[in-house]
Amino acid sequence: MAAPKTRNNRQTPCEQCPLRTLPHFHEFKPDELEFVSNFKTGELAVDRRNDNPGGGIA
């Protein structure tokens, strides 16, 4: 398995992150999301797992 690659050149704002809609994460209040987004330092680009053909987080 290849190591994740850090991706700093194209940052998705936390408010627009597609992972936020997954049931694994709780909904943030606007002030909480603003606070947490200050901790973001970059993004990772990873390949989709072959053992999860439906996509998403297993």
N, C-alpha and C. Protein backbone atom coordinates (compact mmCIF):
# COMPACT_ATOMS: atom_id res chain seq x y z
N MET A 1 0.84 -1.17 0.00
CA MET A 1 0.00 0.00 0.00
C MET A 1 0.88 1.24 0.00
N ALA A 2 0.58 2.18 -0.85
CA ALA A 2 1.36 3.40 -0.96
C ALA A 2 1.07 4.31 0.23
N ALA A 3 2.08 5.06 0.63
CA ALA A 3 1.91 6.00 1.73
C ALA A 3 1.04 7.17 1.27
N PRO A 4 0.22 7.72 2.17
CA PRO A 4 -0.58 8.89 1.80
C PRO A 4 0.32 10.05 1.41
N LYS A 5 -0.14 10.84 0.47
CA LYS A 5 0.61 12.00 0.03
C LYS A 5 -0.03 13.25 0.62
N THR A 6 0.78 14.11 1.24
CA THR A 6 0.25 15.35 1.77
C THR A 6 -0.09 16.27 0.60
N ARG A 7 -1.24 16.88 0.69
CA ARG A 7 -1.69 17.77 -0.38
C ARG A 7 -2.00 19.12 0.24
N ASN A 8 -1.08 20.07 0.08
CA ASN A 8 -1.26 21.39 0.65
C ASN A 8 -1.63 22.43 -0.40
N ASN A 9 -1.52 22.09 -1.67
CA ASN A 9 -1.75 23.08 -2.71
C ASN A 9 -3.23 23.31 -3.00
N ARG A 10 -4.10 22.39 -2.66
CA ARG A 10 -5.53 22.55 -2.91
C ARG A 10 -6.27 22.19 -1.63
N GLN A 11 -6.62 23.18 -0.87
CA GLN A 11 -7.27 22.90 0.40
C GLN A 11 -8.77 23.07 0.29
N THR A 12 -9.48 22.10 0.80
CA THR A 12 -10.93 22.16 0.88
C THR A 12 -11.28 22.80 2.21
N PRO A 13 -12.05 23.88 2.20
CA PRO A 13 -12.45 24.46 3.49
C PRO A 13 -13.24 23.43 4.30
N CYS A 14 -13.06 23.44 5.60
CA CYS A 14 -13.75 22.48 6.47
C CYS A 14 -15.26 22.53 6.26
N GLU A 15 -15.80 23.71 6.01
CA GLU A 15 -17.23 23.87 5.81
C GLU A 15 -17.72 23.11 4.57
N GLN A 16 -16.82 22.85 3.60
CA GLN A 16 -17.18 22.19 2.35
C GLN A 16 -16.66 20.76 2.25
N CYS A 17 -16.10 20.25 3.32
CA CYS A 17 -15.50 18.91 3.30
C CYS A 17 -16.58 17.85 3.05
N PRO A 18 -16.40 17.00 2.03
CA PRO A 18 -17.39 15.97 1.74
C PRO A 18 -17.47 14.89 2.83
N LEU A 19 -16.45 14.77 3.65
CA LEU A 19 -16.47 13.77 4.72
C LEU A 19 -17.44 14.16 5.84
N ARG A 20 -17.77 15.42 5.95
CA ARG A 20 -18.66 15.88 7.03
C ARG A 20 -20.05 15.27 6.94
N THR A 21 -20.46 14.84 5.75
CA THR A 21 -21.80 14.28 5.59
C THR A 21 -21.89 12.81 5.99
N LEU A 22 -20.74 12.19 6.23
CA LEU A 22 -20.74 10.78 6.62
C LEU A 22 -21.25 10.61 8.05
N PRO A 23 -21.92 9.50 8.32
CA PRO A 23 -22.50 9.29 9.66
C PRO A 23 -21.45 9.09 10.75
N HIS A 24 -20.19 8.95 10.39
CA HIS A 24 -19.13 8.73 11.37
C HIS A 24 -18.80 10.00 12.15
N PHE A 25 -19.24 11.14 11.63
CA PHE A 25 -18.88 12.43 12.22
C PHE A 25 -20.13 13.14 12.73
N HIS A 26 -20.00 13.79 13.87
CA HIS A 26 -21.15 14.53 14.39
C HIS A 26 -21.22 15.92 13.75
N GLU A 27 -22.38 16.51 13.82
CA GLU A 27 -22.61 17.84 13.26
C GLU A 27 -21.99 18.88 14.19
N PHE A 28 -21.25 19.82 13.63
CA PHE A 28 -20.68 20.90 14.41
C PHE A 28 -21.60 22.11 14.38
N LYS A 29 -21.63 22.83 15.48
CA LYS A 29 -22.25 24.15 15.50
C LYS A 29 -21.29 25.07 14.75
N PRO A 30 -21.79 26.16 14.17
CA PRO A 30 -20.90 27.05 13.40
C PRO A 30 -19.66 27.52 14.17
N ASP A 31 -19.82 27.88 15.43
CA ASP A 31 -18.65 28.34 16.19
C ASP A 31 -17.67 27.21 16.49
N GLU A 32 -18.17 25.98 16.65
CA GLU A 32 -17.30 24.83 16.86
C GLU A 32 -16.50 24.53 15.59
N LEU A 33 -17.17 24.58 14.44
CA LEU A 33 -16.50 24.30 13.17
C LEU A 33 -15.41 25.34 12.90
N GLU A 34 -15.70 26.59 13.20
CA GLU A 34 -14.69 27.64 13.02
C GLU A 34 -13.48 27.38 13.90
N PHE A 35 -13.72 26.99 15.15
CA PHE A 35 -12.63 26.70 16.08
C PHE A 35 -11.80 25.51 15.60
N VAL A 36 -12.46 24.40 15.25
CA VAL A 36 -11.76 23.19 14.83
C VAL A 36 -11.00 23.41 13.53
N SER A 37 -11.55 24.20 12.62
CA SER A 37 -10.90 24.42 11.33
C SER A 37 -9.55 25.14 11.48
N ASN A 38 -9.33 25.80 12.60
CA ASN A 38 -8.03 26.45 12.85
C ASN A 38 -6.91 25.45 13.04
N PHE A 39 -7.25 24.18 13.33
CA PHE A 39 -6.24 23.16 13.54
C PHE A 39 -5.79 22.49 12.25
N LYS A 40 -6.48 22.74 11.15
CA LYS A 40 -6.15 22.08 9.88
C LYS A 40 -4.81 22.58 9.37
N THR A 41 -3.95 21.62 9.04
CA THR A 41 -2.62 21.98 8.55
C THR A 41 -2.38 21.52 7.12
N GLY A 42 -3.26 20.72 6.56
CA GLY A 42 -3.09 20.21 5.20
C GLY A 42 -4.12 19.15 4.92
N GLU A 43 -3.94 18.45 3.83
CA GLU A 43 -4.84 17.38 3.41
C GLU A 43 -4.03 16.19 2.97
N LEU A 44 -4.64 15.03 2.99
CA LEU A 44 -4.01 13.81 2.49
C LEU A 44 -4.76 13.33 1.27
N ALA A 45 -4.02 12.86 0.28
CA ALA A 45 -4.61 12.24 -0.90
C ALA A 45 -4.34 10.74 -0.79
N VAL A 46 -5.38 9.95 -0.73
CA VAL A 46 -5.23 8.50 -0.61
C VAL A 46 -6.02 7.80 -1.71
N ASP A 47 -5.57 6.62 -2.07
CA ASP A 47 -6.27 5.82 -3.07
C ASP A 47 -7.46 5.12 -2.42
N ARG A 48 -8.51 4.91 -3.20
CA ARG A 48 -9.67 4.17 -2.72
C ARG A 48 -9.26 2.74 -2.42
N ARG A 49 -9.79 2.18 -1.34
CA ARG A 49 -9.49 0.80 -0.97
C ARG A 49 -10.23 -0.16 -1.88
N ASN A 50 -9.55 -1.20 -2.34
CA ASN A 50 -10.16 -2.21 -3.21
C ASN A 50 -11.12 -3.13 -2.47
N ASP A 51 -10.95 -3.27 -1.15
CA ASP A 51 -11.80 -4.17 -0.39
C ASP A 51 -13.11 -3.50 0.06
N ASN A 52 -13.33 -2.28 -0.39
CA ASN A 52 -14.55 -1.55 -0.04
C ASN A 52 -15.13 -0.99 -1.34
N PRO A 53 -15.66 -1.84 -2.22
CA PRO A 53 -16.08 -1.38 -3.54
C PRO A 53 -17.19 -0.34 -3.53
N GLY A 54 -17.93 -0.23 -2.44
CA GLY A 54 -18.97 0.78 -2.36
C GLY A 54 -18.44 2.16 -2.02
N GLY A 55 -17.16 2.25 -1.73
CA GLY A 55 -16.59 3.53 -1.36
C GLY A 55 -16.87 3.87 0.09
N GLY A 56 -16.52 5.05 0.49
CA GLY A 56 -16.78 5.48 1.85
C GLY A 56 -15.76 4.93 2.82
N ILE A 57 -16.01 5.18 4.07
CA ILE A 57 -15.12 4.74 5.13
C ILE A 57 -15.64 3.44 5.69
N ALA A 58 -14.78 2.44 5.77
CA ALA A 58 -15.21 1.13 6.27
C ALA A 58 -15.03 1.06 7.77
